[in-house]
Protein backbone atom coordinates (compact mmCIF):
# COMPACT_ATOMS: atom_id res chain seq x y z
CA MET A 1 -34.99 -6.19 8.01
CA PHE A 2 -35.23 -8.69 5.24
CA VAL A 3 -38.06 -6.62 3.20
CA LEU A 4 -35.91 -3.80 3.28
CA LEU A 5 -32.78 -5.68 1.87
CA ARG A 6 -35.15 -6.82 -0.73
CA GLN A 7 -36.47 -3.46 -1.79
CA LEU A 8 -32.98 -2.02 -1.88
CA HIS A 9 -31.99 -4.69 -4.07
CA SER A 10 -35.29 -4.37 -6.31
CA THR A 11 -34.05 -0.64 -6.78
CA ARG A 12 -30.61 -1.11 -7.47
CA LYS A 13 -31.65 -3.26 -10.13
CA SER A 14 -34.47 -1.17 -11.59
CA ALA A 15 -31.73 1.95 -11.50
CA ARG A 16 -28.96 -0.41 -12.98
CA VAL A 17 -26.54 0.67 -10.33
CA THR A 18 -23.36 -1.65 -10.48
CA ARG A 19 -21.17 -2.92 -7.76
CA PRO A 20 -18.25 -1.43 -7.42
CA ALA A 21 -14.76 -3.10 -8.69
CA ARG A 22 -13.83 -5.94 -6.43
CA ARG A 23 -10.90 -4.91 -4.27
CA LEU A 24 -7.70 -7.24 -4.39
CA SER A 25 -7.14 -9.13 -1.34
CA LEU A 26 -4.30 -10.91 0.41
CA ALA A 27 -4.21 -13.53 3.62
CA VAL A 28 -1.62 -13.67 5.46
CA ARG A 29 -0.61 -16.97 7.97
CA HIS A 30 2.23 -15.83 10.41
CA VAL A 31 4.74 -18.21 11.88
CA ASP A 32 6.82 -17.40 15.23
CA ALA A 33 9.68 -19.74 14.30
CA GLY A 34 11.92 -18.61 17.28
CA SER A 35 12.15 -14.94 17.93
CA CYS A 36 11.92 -12.65 20.73
CA ASN A 37 8.42 -11.10 19.89
CA ALA A 38 9.82 -7.81 18.87
CA CYS A 39 8.74 -8.53 15.14
CA GLU A 40 5.48 -9.80 16.51
CA HIS A 41 4.58 -6.68 18.32
CA GLU A 42 5.16 -4.44 15.26
CA LEU A 43 3.25 -6.99 13.52
CA GLY A 44 0.31 -6.68 15.70
CA ALA A 45 0.77 -2.62 15.77
CA THR A 46 -0.15 -2.94 11.93
CA ALA A 47 -3.67 -3.91 12.73
CA ASN A 48 -4.48 -1.17 15.23
CA LEU A 49 -6.53 1.89 13.92
CA PHE A 50 -3.52 4.22 12.93
CA TYR A 51 -2.02 1.49 10.62
CA ASP A 52 -4.88 -0.24 9.78
CA LEU A 53 -3.87 -3.03 7.70
CA SER A 54 -7.05 -4.12 6.81
CA CYS A 55 -8.10 -1.15 4.65
CA HIS A 56 -5.20 -2.22 2.22
CA GLY A 57 -7.21 -5.66 1.45
CA ILE A 58 -4.47 -7.50 3.82
CA THR A 59 -5.83 -9.77 6.94
CA ILE A 60 -4.35 -12.27 9.14
CA THR A 61 -5.76 -15.71 8.64
CA ALA A 62 -5.24 -18.59 11.20
CA SER A 63 -5.42 -21.24 8.84
CA PRO A 64 -2.43 -21.96 6.45
CA ARG A 65 -5.20 -23.44 3.95
CA HIS A 66 -6.45 -19.76 3.79
CA ALA A 67 -3.36 -17.64 3.19
CA ASP A 68 -1.54 -16.67 0.32
CA VAL A 69 1.53 -15.35 2.18
CA LEU A 70 3.55 -17.57 4.80
CA LEU A 71 4.95 -14.98 6.96
CA ILE A 72 7.77 -16.44 8.81
CA THR A 73 9.15 -14.44 12.01
CA GLY A 74 12.38 -15.52 13.92
CA ALA A 75 15.50 -17.39 13.83
CA ILE A 76 14.25 -20.51 12.81
CA THR A 77 14.90 -23.44 15.57
CA ARG A 78 15.45 -27.07 14.54
CA ARG A 79 12.33 -27.75 16.12
CA MET A 80 10.22 -25.33 14.11
CA VAL A 81 11.56 -26.97 10.67
CA THR A 82 8.77 -29.43 10.80
CA PRO A 83 5.62 -27.10 11.64
CA LEU A 84 6.79 -24.89 9.22
CA LEU A 85 7.24 -26.91 6.22
CA SER A 86 3.87 -28.59 7.02
CA ALA A 87 2.01 -25.13 6.96
CA TYR A 88 4.04 -24.04 3.25
CA ARG A 89 2.54 -27.56 2.08
CA ALA A 90 -0.76 -26.79 3.38
CA MET A 91 -1.17 -23.52 1.27
CA PRO A 92 -2.79 -23.61 -2.08
CA GLU A 93 -0.86 -22.33 -5.11
CA PRO A 94 0.27 -19.67 -5.73
CA ARG A 95 1.79 -18.69 -2.35
CA LEU A 96 4.44 -16.49 -1.40
CA VAL A 97 6.99 -16.68 1.60
CA ALA A 98 7.84 -13.66 3.62
CA ALA A 99 10.73 -13.22 5.52
CA LEU A 100 10.09 -10.50 8.51
CA GLY A 101 12.74 -8.92 10.47
CA ASN A 102 16.83 -10.07 10.20
CA CYS A 103 16.77 -13.51 12.76
CA ALA A 104 14.25 -14.62 9.67
CA MET A 105 16.51 -13.25 6.93
CA GLY A 106 19.54 -15.22 9.14
CA LEU A 107 21.49 -12.16 9.94
CA GLY A 108 22.39 -13.89 13.16
CA VAL A 109 20.91 -12.03 15.38
CA LEU A 110 19.13 -14.69 17.94
CA GLY A 111 20.10 -17.80 19.02
CA ASP A 112 23.05 -20.10 19.10
CA ASP A 113 23.79 -21.84 16.06
CA ARG A 114 23.81 -25.40 17.57
CA ASP A 115 19.94 -24.68 18.01
CA LEU A 116 19.12 -22.74 14.65
CA ALA A 117 18.21 -24.25 11.18
CA GLY A 118 20.10 -21.71 9.44
CA PRO A 119 18.00 -18.56 7.30
CA LEU A 120 14.72 -19.26 5.64
CA GLU A 121 16.02 -19.40 2.36
CA GLN A 122 17.66 -22.96 2.76
CA LEU A 123 14.41 -24.29 3.94
CA LEU A 124 11.49 -22.22 1.76
CA PRO A 125 12.02 -19.65 -1.41
CA VAL A 126 11.32 -16.24 0.05
CA ASP A 127 9.52 -13.99 -2.05
CA ILE A 128 9.55 -11.10 0.11
CA ARG A 129 12.21 -9.78 2.44
CA ILE A 130 11.52 -7.33 5.01
CA PRO A 131 14.78 -6.39 7.05
CA GLY A 132 14.90 -4.70 10.56
CA CYS A 133 15.48 -5.49 14.33
CA PRO A 134 12.12 -4.66 14.58
CA PRO A 135 11.32 -3.03 11.45
CA THR A 136 8.24 -0.72 11.52
CA PRO A 137 4.70 -1.38 10.75
CA ASP A 138 4.98 1.19 7.55
CA GLN A 139 7.86 -1.02 6.66
CA ILE A 140 5.87 -4.43 6.91
CA ILE A 141 2.56 -2.82 5.22
CA GLN A 142 4.89 -1.36 2.48
CA ALA A 143 5.99 -4.44 1.68
CA LEU A 144 2.82 -6.60 1.86
CA VAL A 145 1.00 -4.10 -0.16
CA SER A 146 4.03 -3.80 -2.84
CA SER A 147 3.70 -7.90 -3.24
CA ASN A 148 -0.04 -7.49 -3.35
CA LEU A 149 0.19 -4.60 -6.25
CA ALA A 150 2.64 -6.71 -8.22
CA GLY A 151 -0.57 -9.34 -8.80
CA GLN A 152 1.05 -12.32 -7.09
CA ALA A 153 -1.21 -14.67 -4.71
CA ILE A 154 -4.01 -12.16 -5.23
CA THR A 155 -7.51 -13.63 -4.79
CA SER A 156 -10.79 -12.03 -5.09
CA ALA A 157 -12.47 -10.31 -1.93
């Protein structure tokens, strides 16, 4: 196999075949801050074969240290404030914050006011708002793709 790859490399080099332009990529770190899981189901559906989030250069990452976007779902509970802020601080600059669903946007769908920290905008600067209860996979992908095309928080693939 190694010999074949080396021959392919030398053939491309002698034929002066150029590499295709690098695609834009966006790494998303998801944090559930106290939701009913409806938004998580729709976010999970974006990765299936029908919607295929990865074909747009967008991936879900497990670490905030590798993320361009912090995507928050659910009504922000008081107990999730510290982990949420820690995840935000761990992200490299430039970074974006996305509020997914009406609960994260503070529209009062879920929770008791005594247990909630308020809308996400009171804790972090929100760059992307994806309204809905829950938003459809198409709406989620459209919002993330448009933020990627706007040239914010873009890294090379």
